[in-house]
């Protein structure tokens, strides 16, 4: 299962971390893992390319782990991009269920 942890402070994103694999299908055939990966990587890349927000990013070389942590308050552009990512992840969750993806929201 993919575990998504979203940490916010006063409704602003602080950190987004994903761990695990969906287990929907065999490696290389898992459409849930692929969808989540594309959505998250594109969001992280978009924030880097289209905003000036400072962040650190970490990922496991073999997949199964990605994390983005913001150093300061984020711009409205990053907020919108992350809201869009969460919307997409929520839609994947609705389609495939708790067996493959879970969410934890934290107020820090």
PDB file of N, CA and C in Angstrom:
ATOM      1  N   UNK A   1       0.837  -1.181   0.000  1.00  0.00           N
ATOM      2  CA  UNK A   1       0.000   0.000   0.000  1.00  0.00           C
ATOM      3  C   UNK A   1       0.882   1.245   0.000  1.00  0.00           C
ATOM      4  N   UNK A   2       0.423   2.271  -0.687  1.00  0.00           N
ATOM      5  CA  UNK A   2       1.101   3.571  -0.682  1.00  0.00           C
ATOM      6  C   UNK A   2       0.518   4.386   0.463  1.00  0.00           C
ATOM      7  N   UNK A   3       1.390   4.850   1.330  1.00  0.00           N
ATOM      8  CA  UNK A   3       0.991   5.698   2.452  1.00  0.00           C
ATOM      9  C   UNK A   3       1.376   7.138   2.125  1.00  0.00           C
ATOM     10  N   UNK A   4       0.384   8.022   2.113  1.00  0.00           N
ATOM     11  CA  UNK A   4       0.598   9.437   1.831  1.00  0.00           C
ATOM     12  C   UNK A   4       0.411  10.205   3.129  1.00  0.00           C
ATOM     13  N   UNK A   5       1.440  10.950   3.527  1.00  0.00           N
ATOM     14  CA  UNK A   5       1.362  11.780   4.729  1.00  0.00           C
ATOM     15  C   UNK A   5       1.516  13.236   4.290  1.00  0.00           C
ATOM     16  N   UNK A   6       0.512  14.033   4.607  1.00  0.00           N
ATOM     17  CA  UNK A   6       0.498  15.449   4.243  1.00  0.00           C
ATOM     18  C   UNK A   6       0.503  16.266   5.526  1.00  0.00           C
ATOM     19  N   UNK A   7       1.559  17.058   5.697  1.00  0.00           N
ATOM     20  CA  UNK A   7       1.688  17.893   6.890  1.00  0.00           C
ATOM     21  C   UNK A   7       1.479  19.350   6.502  1.00  0.00           C
ATOM     22  N   UNK A   8       0.624  20.018   7.282  1.00  0.00           N
ATOM     23  CA  UNK A   8       0.326  21.430   7.047  1.00  0.00           C
ATOM     24  C   UNK A   8       0.472  22.213   8.346  1.00  0.00           C
ATOM     25  N   UNK A   9       0.718  23.503   8.194  1.00  0.00           N
ATOM     26  CA  UNK A   9       0.715  24.435   9.315  1.00  0.00           C
ATOM     27  C   UNK A   9      -0.121  25.635   8.895  1.00  0.00           C
ATOM     28  N   UNK A  10      -1.181  25.881   9.619  1.00  0.00           N
ATOM     29  CA  UNK A  10      -2.104  26.970   9.305  1.00  0.00           C
ATOM     30  C   UNK A  10      -2.545  26.914   7.843  1.00  0.00           C
ATOM     31  N   UNK A  11      -2.934  25.715   7.423  1.00  0.00           N
ATOM     32  CA  UNK A  11      -3.470  25.438   6.086  1.00  0.00           C
ATOM     33  C   UNK A  11      -2.441  25.593   4.957  1.00  0.00           C
ATOM     34  N   UNK A  12      -1.162  25.684   5.298  1.00  0.00           N
ATOM     35  CA  UNK A  12      -0.090  25.751   4.290  1.00  0.00           C
ATOM     36  C   UNK A  12       0.697  24.439   4.346  1.00  0.00           C
ATOM     37  N   UNK A  13       1.019  23.917   3.175  1.00  0.00           N
ATOM     38  CA  UNK A  13       1.786  22.677   3.109  1.00  0.00           C
ATOM     39  C   UNK A  13       3.190  22.873   3.679  1.00  0.00           C
ATOM     40  N   UNK A  14       3.613  21.914   4.480  1.00  0.00           N
ATOM     41  CA  UNK A  14       4.959  21.884   5.048  1.00  0.00           C
ATOM     42  C   UNK A  14       5.742  20.720   4.443  1.00  0.00           C
ATOM     43  N   UNK A  15       5.064  19.571   4.332  1.00  0.00           N
ATOM     44  CA  UNK A  15       5.718  18.361   3.853  1.00  0.00           C
ATOM     45  C   UNK A  15       4.689  17.433   3.216  1.00  0.00           C
ATOM     46  N   UNK A  16       5.139  16.726   2.178  1.00  0.00           N
ATOM     47  CA  UNK A  16       4.363  15.656   1.562  1.00  0.00           C
ATOM     48  C   UNK A  16       5.309  14.467   1.446  1.00  0.00           C
ATOM     49  N   UNK A  17       4.906  13.325   2.018  1.00  0.00           N
ATOM     50  CA  UNK A  17       5.730  12.130   1.972  1.00  0.00           C
ATOM     51  C   UNK A  17       4.893  10.949   1.503  1.00  0.00           C
ATOM     52  N   UNK A  18       5.450  10.171   0.592  1.00  0.00           N
ATOM     53  CA  UNK A  18       4.811   8.942   0.112  1.00  0.00           C
ATOM     54  C   UNK A  18       5.764   7.782   0.341  1.00  0.00           C
ATOM     55  N   UNK A  19       5.218   6.670   0.855  1.00  0.00           N
ATOM     56  CA  UNK A  19       6.024   5.477   1.113  1.00  0.00           C
ATOM     57  C   UNK A  19       5.259   4.256   0.636  1.00  0.00           C
ATOM     58  N   UNK A  20       5.996   3.302   0.102  1.00  0.00           N
ATOM     59  CA  UNK A  20       5.425   2.018  -0.240  1.00  0.00           C
ATOM     60  C   UNK A  20       5.029   1.895  -1.697  1.00  0.00           C
ATOM     61  N   UNK A  21       4.524   0.720  -1.998  1.00  0.00           N
ATOM     62  CA  UNK A  21       4.039   0.399  -3.335  1.00  0.00           C
ATOM     63  C   UNK A  21       2.586  -0.045  -3.221  1.00  0.00           C
ATOM     64  N   UNK A  22       1.810   0.227  -4.225  1.00  0.00           N
ATOM     65  CA  UNK A  22       0.377  -0.084  -4.166  1.00  0.00           C
ATOM     66  C   UNK A  22       0.119  -1.583  -4.054  1.00  0.00           C
ATOM     67  N   UNK A  23       0.841  -2.370  -4.801  1.00  0.00           N
ATOM     68  CA  UNK A  23       0.584  -3.808  -4.787  1.00  0.00           C
ATOM     69  C   UNK A  23      -0.642  -4.204  -5.590  1.00  0.00           C
ATOM     70  N   UNK A  24      -1.059  -3.341  -6.477  1.00  0.00           N
ATOM     71  CA  UNK A  24      -2.227  -3.615  -7.317  1.00  0.00           C
ATOM     72  C   UNK A  24      -1.915  -4.691  -8.346  1.00  0.00           C
ATOM     73  N   UNK A  25      -0.676  -4.671  -8.840  1.00  0.00           N
ATOM     74  CA  UNK A  25      -0.240  -5.641  -9.851  1.00  0.00           C
ATOM     75  C   UNK A  25       1.262  -5.838  -9.697  1.00  0.00           C
ATOM     76  N   UNK A  26       1.828  -6.732 -10.500  1.00  0.00           N
ATOM     77  CA  UNK A  26       3.261  -6.986 -10.464  1.00  0.00           C
ATOM     78  C   UNK A  26       4.039  -5.726 -10.823  1.00  0.00           C
ATOM     79  N   UNK A  27       5.290  -5.691 -10.340  1.00  0.00           N
ATOM     80  CA  UNK A  27       6.193  -4.583 -10.652  1.00  0.00           C
ATOM     81  C   UNK A  27       6.251  -4.385 -12.170  1.00  0.00           C
ATOM     82  N   UNK A  28       6.117  -3.139 -12.601  1.00  0.00           N
ATOM     83  CA  UNK A  28       6.114  -2.825 -14.016  1.00  0.00           C
ATOM     84  C   UNK A  28       4.738  -2.873 -14.653  1.00  0.00           C
ATOM     85  N   UNK A  29       3.763  -3.433 -13.934  1.00  0.00           N
ATOM     86  CA  UNK A  29       2.398  -3.536 -14.436  1.00  0.00           C
ATOM     87  C   UNK A  29       1.386  -2.808 -13.544  1.00  0.00           C
ATOM     88  N   UNK A  30       1.880  -2.204 -12.466  1.00  0.00           N
ATOM     89  CA  UNK A  30       1.010  -1.624 -11.434  1.00  0.00           C
ATOM     90  C   UNK A  30       0.539  -0.227 -11.843  1.00  0.00           C
ATOM     91  N   UNK A  31      -0.697  -0.139 -12.310  1.00  0.00           N
ATOM     92  CA  UNK A  31      -1.227   1.139 -12.788  1.00  0.00           C
ATOM     93  C   UNK A  31      -1.472   2.132 -11.655  1.00  0.00           C
ATOM     94  N   UNK A  32      -1.725   1.644 -10.443  1.00  0.00           N
ATOM     95  CA  UNK A  32      -1.934   2.557  -9.313  1.00  0.00           C
ATOM     96  C   UNK A  32      -0.608   3.220  -8.947  1.00  0.00           C
ATOM     97  N   UNK A  33       0.454   2.425  -8.822  1.00  0.00           N
ATOM     98  CA  UNK A  33       1.778   2.999  -8.538  1.00  0.00           C
ATOM     99  C   UNK A  33       2.192   3.977  -9.628  1.00  0.00           C
ATOM    100  N   UNK A  34       1.956   3.601 -10.865  1.00  0.00           N
ATOM    101  CA  UNK A  34       2.329   4.470 -11.980  1.00  0.00           C
ATOM    102  C   UNK A  34       1.585   5.793 -11.929  1.00  0.00           C
ATOM    103  N   UNK A  35       0.285   5.740 -11.693  1.00  0.00           N
ATOM    104  CA  UNK A  35      -0.525   6.959 -11.647  1.00  0.00           C
ATOM    105  C   UNK A  35      -0.063   7.871 -10.514  1.00  0.00           C
ATOM    106  N   UNK A  36       0.158   7.298  -9.339  1.00  0.00           N
ATOM    107  CA  UNK A  36       0.606   8.092  -8.193  1.00  0.00           C
ATOM    108  C   UNK A  36       1.980   8.689  -8.476  1.00  0.00           C
ATOM    109  N   UNK A  37       2.889   7.898  -8.997  1.00  0.00           N
ATOM    110  CA  UNK A  37       4.243   8.372  -9.279  1.00  0.00           C
ATOM    111  C   UNK A  37       4.245   9.530 -10.273  1.00  0.00           C
ATOM    112  N   UNK A  38       3.531   9.375 -11.359  1.00  0.00           N
ATOM    113  CA  UNK A  38       3.488  10.430 -12.377  1.00  0.00           C
ATOM    114  C   UNK A  38       2.902  11.711 -11.797  1.00  0.00           C
ATOM    115  N   UNK A  39       1.827  11.591 -11.058  1.00  0.00           N
ATOM    116  CA  UNK A  39       1.166  12.753 -10.483  1.00  0.00           C
ATOM    117  C   UNK A  39       2.089  13.494  -9.511  1.00  0.00           C
ATOM    118  N   UNK A  40       2.730  12.757  -8.626  1.00  0.00           N
ATOM    119  CA  UNK A  40       3.575  13.373  -7.605  1.00  0.00           C
ATOM    120  C   UNK A  40       4.861  13.941  -8.213  1.00  0.00           C
ATOM    121  N   UNK A  41       5.520  13.177  -9.057  1.00  0.00           N
ATOM    122  CA  UNK A  41       6.761  13.661  -9.672  1.00  0.00           C
ATOM    123  C   UNK A  41       6.489  14.893 -10.525  1.00  0.00           C
ATOM    124  N   UNK A  42       5.398  14.891 -11.272  1.00  0.00           N
ATOM    125  CA  UNK A  42       5.061  16.066 -12.071  1.00  0.00           C
ATOM    126  C   UNK A  42       4.793  17.282 -11.194  1.00  0.00           C
ATOM    127  N   UNK A  43       4.114  17.087 -10.084  1.00  0.00           N
ATOM    128  CA  UNK A  43       3.851  18.203  -9.170  1.00  0.00           C
ATOM    129  C   UNK A  43       5.152  18.748  -8.603  1.00  0.00           C
ATOM    130  N   UNK A  44       6.033  17.867  -8.121  1.00  0.00           N
ATOM    131  CA  UNK A  44       7.317  18.302  -7.569  1.00  0.00           C
ATOM    132  C   UNK A  44       8.122  19.051  -8.639  1.00  0.00           C
ATOM    133  N   UNK A  45       8.166  18.516  -9.855  1.00  0.00           N
ATOM    134  CA  UNK A  45       8.895  19.171 -10.946  1.00  0.00           C
ATOM    135  C   UNK A  45       8.272  20.519 -11.313  1.00  0.00           C
ATOM    136  N   UNK A  46       6.950  20.602 -11.293  1.00  0.00           N
ATOM    137  CA  UNK A  46       6.264  21.859 -11.615  1.00  0.00           C
ATOM    138  C   UNK A  46       6.564  22.936 -10.581  1.00  0.00           C
ATOM    139  N   UNK A  47       6.596  22.550  -9.323  1.00  0.00           N
ATOM    140  CA  UNK A  47       6.922  23.523  -8.265  1.00  0.00           C
ATOM    141  C   UNK A  47       8.344  24.033  -8.460  1.00  0.00           C
ATOM    142  N   UNK A  48       9.246  23.126  -8.793  1.00  0.00           N
ATOM    143  CA  UNK A  48      10.634  23.528  -9.018  1.00  0.00           C
ATOM    144  C   UNK A  48      10.755  24.462 -10.226  1.00  0.00           C
ATOM    145  N   UNK A  49      10.052  24.148 -11.287  1.00  0.00           N
ATOM    146  CA  UNK A  49      10.182  24.909 -12.541  1.00  0.00           C
ATOM    147  C   UNK A  49       9.423  26.232 -12.507  1.00  0.00           C
ATOM    148  N   UNK A  50       8.215  26.242 -11.938  1.00  0.00           N
ATOM    149  CA  UNK A  50       7.323  27.394 -12.100  1.00  0.00           C
ATOM    150  C   UNK A  50       7.196  28.294 -10.874  1.00  0.00           C
ATOM    151  N   UNK A  51       7.883  27.948  -9.780  1.00  0.00           N
ATOM    152  CA  UNK A  51       7.833  28.815  -8.595  1.00  0.00           C
ATOM    153  C   UNK A  51       9.254  29.083  -8.112  1.00  0.00           C
ATOM    154  N   UNK A  52       9.363  30.012  -7.179  1.00  0.00           N
ATOM    155  CA  UNK A  52      10.644  30.305  -6.543  1.00  0.00           C
ATOM    156  C   UNK A  52      10.712  29.733  -5.135  1.00  0.00           C
ATOM    157  N   UNK A  53       9.781  28.861  -4.780  1.00  0.00           N
ATOM    158  CA  UNK A  53       9.717  28.312  -3.429  1.00  0.00           C
ATOM    159  C   UNK A  53      10.900  27.373  -3.167  1.00  0.00           C
ATOM    160  N   UNK A  54      11.492  27.544  -1.989  1.00  0.00           N
ATOM    161  CA  UNK A  54      12.621  26.703  -1.585  1.00  0.00           C
ATOM    162  C   UNK A  54      12.100  25.438  -0.914  1.00  0.00           C
ATOM    163  N   UNK A  55      12.659  24.312  -1.314  1.00  0.00           N
ATOM    164  CA  UNK A  55      12.255  23.036  -0.722  1.00  0.00           C
ATOM    165  C   UNK A  55      13.399  22.040  -0.822  1.00  0.00           C
ATOM    166  N   UNK A  56      13.290  20.994  -0.030  1.00  0.00           N
ATOM    167  CA  UNK A  56      14.202  19.863  -0.170  1.00  0.00           C
ATOM    168  C   UNK A  56      13.376  18.673  -0.602  1.00  0.00           C
ATOM    169  N   UNK A  57      14.005  17.802  -1.352  1.00  0.00           N
ATOM    170  CA  UNK A  57      13.307  16.648  -1.901  1.00  0.00           C
ATOM    171  C   UNK A  57      14.187  15.424  -1.691  1.00  0.00           C
ATOM    172  N   UNK A  58      13.557  14.305  -1.375  1.00  0.00           N
ATOM    173  CA  UNK A  58      14.281  13.061  -1.163  1.00  0.00           C
ATOM    174  C   UNK A  58      13.487  11.941  -1.811  1.00  0.00           C
ATOM    175  N   UNK A  59      14.197  10.974  -2.380  1.00  0.00           N
ATOM    176  CA  UNK A  59      13.526   9.834  -3.009  1.00  0.00           C
ATOM    177  C   UNK A  59      14.440   8.623  -2.933  1.00  0.00           C
ATOM    178  N   UNK A  60      13.839   7.449  -2.824  1.00  0.00           N
ATOM    179  CA  UNK A  60      14.599   6.207  -2.849  1.00  0.00           C
ATOM    180  C   UNK A  60      14.900   5.852  -4.297  1.00  0.00           C
ATOM    181  N   UNK A  61      16.103   5.363  -4.535  1.00  0.00           N
ATOM    182  CA  UNK A  61      16.496   5.029  -5.904  1.00  0.00           C
ATOM    183  C   UNK A  61      15.641   3.922  -6.495  1.00  0.00           C
ATOM    184  N   UNK A  62      15.192   2.994  -5.676  1.00  0.00           N
ATOM    185  CA  UNK A  62      14.391   1.874  -6.185  1.00  0.00           C
ATOM    186  C   UNK A  62      12.897   2.172  -6.141  1.00  0.00           C
ATOM    187  N   UNK A  63      12.540   3.417  -5.908  1.00  0.00           N
ATOM    188  CA  UNK A  63      11.124   3.787  -5.824  1.00  0.00           C
ATOM    189  C   UNK A  63      10.562   3.480  -4.452  1.00  0.00           C
ATOM    190  N   UNK A  64       9.313   3.778  -4.284  1.00  0.00           N
ATOM    191  CA  UNK A  64       8.660   3.471  -3.018  1.00  0.00           C
ATOM    192  C   UNK A  64       8.815   4.523  -1.945  1.00  0.00           C
ATOM    193  N   UNK A  65       9.519   5.610  -2.225  1.00  0.00           N
ATOM    194  CA  UNK A  65       9.648   6.686  -1.247  1.00  0.00           C
ATOM    195  C   UNK A  65       9.920   8.001  -1.968  1.00  0.00           C
ATOM    196  N   UNK A  66       9.112   9.017  -1.660  1.00  0.00           N
ATOM    197  CA  UNK A  66       9.332  10.383  -2.136  1.00  0.00           C
ATOM    198  C   UNK A  66       8.887  11.335  -1.035  1.00  0.00           C
ATOM    199  N   UNK A  67       9.647  12.402  -0.865  1.00  0.00           N
ATOM    200  CA  UNK A  67       9.291  13.384   0.151  1.00  0.00           C
ATOM    201  C   UNK A  67       9.711  14.772  -0.314  1.00  0.00           C
ATOM    202  N   UNK A  68       8.856  15.749  -0.044  1.00  0.00           N
ATOM    203  CA  UNK A  68       9.145  17.148  -0.339  1.00  0.00           C
ATOM    204  C   UNK A  68       8.843  17.951   0.915  1.00  0.00           C
ATOM    205  N   UNK A  69       9.832  18.741   1.359  1.00  0.00           N
ATOM    206  CA  UNK A  69       9.670  19.577   2.542  1.00  0.00           C
ATOM    207  C   UNK A  69       9.995  21.010   2.168  1.00  0.00           C
ATOM    208  N   UNK A  70       9.103  21.916   2.526  1.00  0.00           N
ATOM    209  CA  UNK A  70       9.296  23.329   2.227  1.00  0.00           C
ATOM    210  C   UNK A  70      10.058  24.005   3.353  1.00  0.00           C
ATOM    211  N   UNK A  71      10.995  24.882   2.970  1.00  0.00           N
ATOM    212  CA  UNK A  71      11.828  25.576   3.942  1.00  0.00           C
ATOM    213  C   UNK A  71      11.105  26.759   4.575  1.00  0.00           C
ATOM    214  N   UNK A  72      10.209  27.388   3.832  1.00  0.00           N
ATOM    215  CA  UNK A  72       9.489  28.578   4.282  1.00  0.00           C
ATOM    216  C   UNK A  72       8.030  28.462   3.849  1.00  0.00           C
ATOM    217  N   UNK A  73       7.261  29.514   4.115  1.00  0.00           N
ATOM    218  CA  UNK A  73       5.899  29.562   3.596  1.00  0.00           C
ATOM    219  C   UNK A  73       5.930  29.439   2.075  1.00  0.00           C
ATOM    220  N   UNK A  74       4.910  28.798   1.529  1.00  0.00           N
ATOM    221  CA  UNK A  74       4.896  28.591   0.086  1.00  0.00           C
ATOM    222  C   UNK A  74       4.000  29.614  -0.606  1.00  0.00           C
ATOM    223  N   UNK A  75       4.250  29.765  -1.876  1.00  0.00           N
ATOM    224  CA  UNK A  75       3.477  30.696  -2.696  1.00  0.00           C
ATOM    225  C   UNK A  75       2.098  30.127  -2.991  1.00  0.00           C
ATOM    226  N   UNK A  76       1.233  31.003  -3.478  1.00  0.00           N
ATOM    227  CA  UNK A  76      -0.102  30.545  -3.868  1.00  0.00           C
ATOM    228  C   UNK A  76      -0.013  29.582  -5.049  1.00  0.00           C
ATOM    229  N   UNK A  77       1.004  29.738  -5.886  1.00  0.00           N
ATOM    230  CA  UNK A  77       1.181  28.825  -7.016  1.00  0.00           C
ATOM    231  C   UNK A  77       1.483  27.403  -6.537  1.00  0.00           C
ATOM    232  N   UNK A  78       2.403  27.277  -5.581  1.00  0.00           N
ATOM    233  CA  UNK A  78       2.712  25.949  -5.031  1.00  0.00           C
ATOM    234  C   UNK A  78       1.520  25.372  -4.299  1.00  0.00           C
ATOM    235  N   UNK A  79       0.817  26.224  -3.571  1.00  0.00           N
ATOM    236  CA  UNK A  79      -0.380  25.779  -2.859  1.00  0.00           C
ATOM    237  C   UNK A  79      -1.381  25.177  -3.847  1.00  0.00           C
ATOM    238  N   UNK A  80      -1.602  25.857  -4.957  1.00  0.00           N
ATOM    239  CA  UNK A  80      -2.537  25.376  -5.978  1.00  0.00           C
ATOM    240  C   UNK A  80      -2.047  24.072  -6.602  1.00  0.00           C
ATOM    241  N   UNK A  81      -0.765  23.992  -6.937  1.00  0.00           N
ATOM    242  CA  UNK A  81      -0.226  22.765  -7.515  1.00  0.00           C
ATOM    243  C   UNK A  81      -0.375  21.585  -6.553  1.00  0.00           C
ATOM    244  N   UNK A  82      -0.112  21.814  -5.270  1.00  0.00           N
ATOM    245  CA  UNK A  82      -0.252  20.740  -4.283  1.00  0.00           C
ATOM    246  C   UNK A  82      -1.714  20.379  -4.044  1.00  0.00           C
ATOM    247  N   UNK A  83      -2.593  21.375  -4.032  1.00  0.00           N
ATOM    248  CA  UNK A  83      -4.031  21.083  -3.926  1.00  0.00           C
ATOM    249  C   UNK A  83      -4.483  20.213  -5.093  1.00  0.00           C
ATOM    250  N   UNK A  84      -3.985  20.511  -6.286  1.00  0.00           N
ATOM    251  CA  UNK A  84      -4.324  19.727  -7.465  1.00  0.00           C
ATOM    252  C   UNK A  84      -3.787  18.298  -7.346  1.00  0.00           C
ATOM    253  N   UNK A  85      -2.568  18.158  -6.841  1.00  0.00           N
ATOM    254  CA  UNK A  85      -1.995  16.829  -6.636  1.00  0.00           C
ATOM    255  C   UNK A  85      -2.839  16.018  -5.655  1.00  0.00           C
ATOM    256  N   UNK A  86      -3.207  16.640  -4.540  1.00  0.00           N
ATOM    257  CA  UNK A  86      -4.021  15.948  -3.533  1.00  0.00           C
ATOM    258  C   UNK A  86      -5.372  15.554  -4.117  1.00  0.00           C
ATOM    259  N   UNK A  87      -5.964  16.428  -4.939  1.00  0.00           N
ATOM    260  CA  UNK A  87      -7.217  16.091  -5.608  1.00  0.00           C
ATOM    261  C   UNK A  87      -7.034  14.840  -6.467  1.00  0.00           C
ATOM    262  N   UNK A  88      -5.970  14.800  -7.246  1.00  0.00           N
ATOM    263  CA  UNK A  88      -5.698  13.637  -8.082  1.00  0.00           C
ATOM    264  C   UNK A  88      -5.473  12.370  -7.266  1.00  0.00           C
ATOM    265  N   UNK A  89      -4.703  12.477  -6.185  1.00  0.00           N
ATOM    266  CA  UNK A  89      -4.469  11.320  -5.316  1.00  0.00           C
ATOM    267  C   UNK A  89      -5.768  10.848  -4.678  1.00  0.00           C
ATOM    268  N   UNK A  90      -6.620  11.796  -4.281  1.00  0.00           N
ATOM    269  CA  UNK A  90      -7.911  11.438  -3.698  1.00  0.00           C
ATOM    270  C   UNK A  90      -8.786  10.708  -4.716  1.00  0.00           C
ATOM    271  N   UNK A  91      -8.749  11.127  -5.965  1.00  0.00           N
ATOM    272  CA  UNK A  91      -9.522  10.450  -7.011  1.00  0.00           C
ATOM    273  C   UNK A  91      -8.998   9.032  -7.247  1.00  0.00           C
ATOM    274  N   UNK A  92      -7.687   8.854  -7.207  1.00  0.00           N
ATOM    275  CA  UNK A  92      -7.121   7.504  -7.320  1.00  0.00           C
ATOM    276  C   UNK A  92      -7.596   6.660  -6.145  1.00  0.00           C
ATOM    277  N   UNK A  93      -7.583   7.245  -4.952  1.00  0.00           N
ATOM    278  CA  UNK A  93      -8.048   6.542  -3.754  1.00  0.00           C
ATOM    279  C   UNK A  93      -9.512   6.136  -3.889  1.00  0.00           C
ATOM    280  N   UNK A  94     -10.336   7.044  -4.373  1.00  0.00           N
ATOM    281  CA  UNK A  94     -11.761   6.727  -4.554  1.00  0.00           C
ATOM    282  C   UNK A  94     -11.957   5.597  -5.555  1.00  0.00           C
ATOM    283  N   UNK A  95     -11.142   5.575  -6.590  1.00  0.00           N
ATOM    284  CA  UNK A  95     -11.266   4.564  -7.637  1.00  0.00           C
ATOM    285  C   UNK A  95     -10.782   3.188  -7.172  1.00  0.00           C
ATOM    286  N   UNK A  96      -9.664   3.156  -6.426  1.00  0.00           N
ATOM    287  CA  UNK A  96      -9.036   1.873  -6.104  1.00  0.00           C
ATOM    288  C   UNK A  96      -9.133   1.473  -4.635  1.00  0.00           C
ATOM    289  N   UNK A  97      -9.369   2.420  -3.731  1.00  0.00           N
ATOM    290  CA  UNK A  97      -9.670   2.102  -2.349  1.00  0.00           C
ATOM    291  C   UNK A  97      -8.501   2.040  -1.384  1.00  0.00           C
ATOM    292  N   UNK A  98      -8.870   1.803  -0.116  1.00  0.00           N
ATOM    293  CA  UNK A  98      -7.935   1.788   1.011  1.00  0.00           C
ATOM    294  C   UNK A  98      -6.893   0.683   0.914  1.00  0.00           C
ATOM    295  N   UNK A  99      -7.161  -0.323   0.136  1.00  0.00           N
ATOM    296  CA  UNK A  99      -6.232  -1.438   0.018  1.00  0.00           C
ATOM    297  C   UNK A  99      -4.931  -1.011  -0.672  1.00  0.00           C
ATOM    298  N   UNK A 100      -4.991   0.048  -1.487  1.00  0.00           N
ATOM    299  CA  UNK A 100      -3.840   0.426  -2.302  1.00  0.00           C
ATOM    300  C   UNK A 100      -3.225   1.771  -1.955  1.00  0.00           C
ATOM    301  N   UNK A 101      -3.993   2.668  -1.344  1.00  0.00           N
ATOM    302  CA  UNK A 101      -3.468   3.999  -1.002  1.00  0.00           C
ATOM    303  C   UNK A 101      -4.198   4.517   0.237  1.00  0.00           C
ATOM    304  N   UNK A 102      -3.423   5.088   1.177  1.00  0.00           N
ATOM    305  CA  UNK A 102      -4.013   5.654   2.392  1.00  0.00           C
ATOM    306  C   UNK A 102      -3.464   7.054   2.615  1.00  0.00           C
ATOM    307  N   UNK A 103      -4.250   7.862   3.323  1.00  0.00           N
ATOM    308  CA  UNK A 103      -3.880   9.242   3.598  1.00  0.00           C
ATOM    309  C   UNK A 103      -3.818   9.490   5.098  1.00  0.00           C
ATOM    310  N   UNK A 104      -2.818  10.278   5.510  1.00  0.00           N
ATOM    311  CA  UNK A 104      -2.760  10.802   6.861  1.00  0.00           C
ATOM    312  C   UNK A 104      -2.503  12.294   6.741  1.00  0.00           C
ATOM    313  N   UNK A 105      -3.350  13.077   7.392  1.00  0.00           N
ATOM    314  CA  UNK A 105      -3.183  14.519   7.397  1.00  0.00           C
ATOM    315  C   UNK A 105      -2.727  14.938   8.786  1.00  0.00           C
ATOM    316  N   UNK A 106      -1.691  15.783   8.846  1.00  0.00           N
ATOM    317  CA  UNK A 106      -1.144  16.248  10.125  1.00  0.00           C
ATOM    318  C   UNK A 106      -1.139  17.765  10.149  1.00  0.00           C
ATOM    319  N   UNK A 107      -1.506  18.313  11.282  1.00  0.00           N
ATOM    320  CA  UNK A 107      -1.358  19.747  11.527  1.00  0.00           C
ATOM    321  C   UNK A 107      -0.138  19.914  12.426  1.00  0.00           C
ATOM    322  N   UNK A 108       0.861  20.610  11.922  1.00  0.00           N
ATOM    323  CA  UNK A 108       2.106  20.755  12.689  1.00  0.00           C
ATOM    324  C   UNK A 108       2.358  22.200  13.064  1.00  0.00           C
TER     325      UNK A 108
END
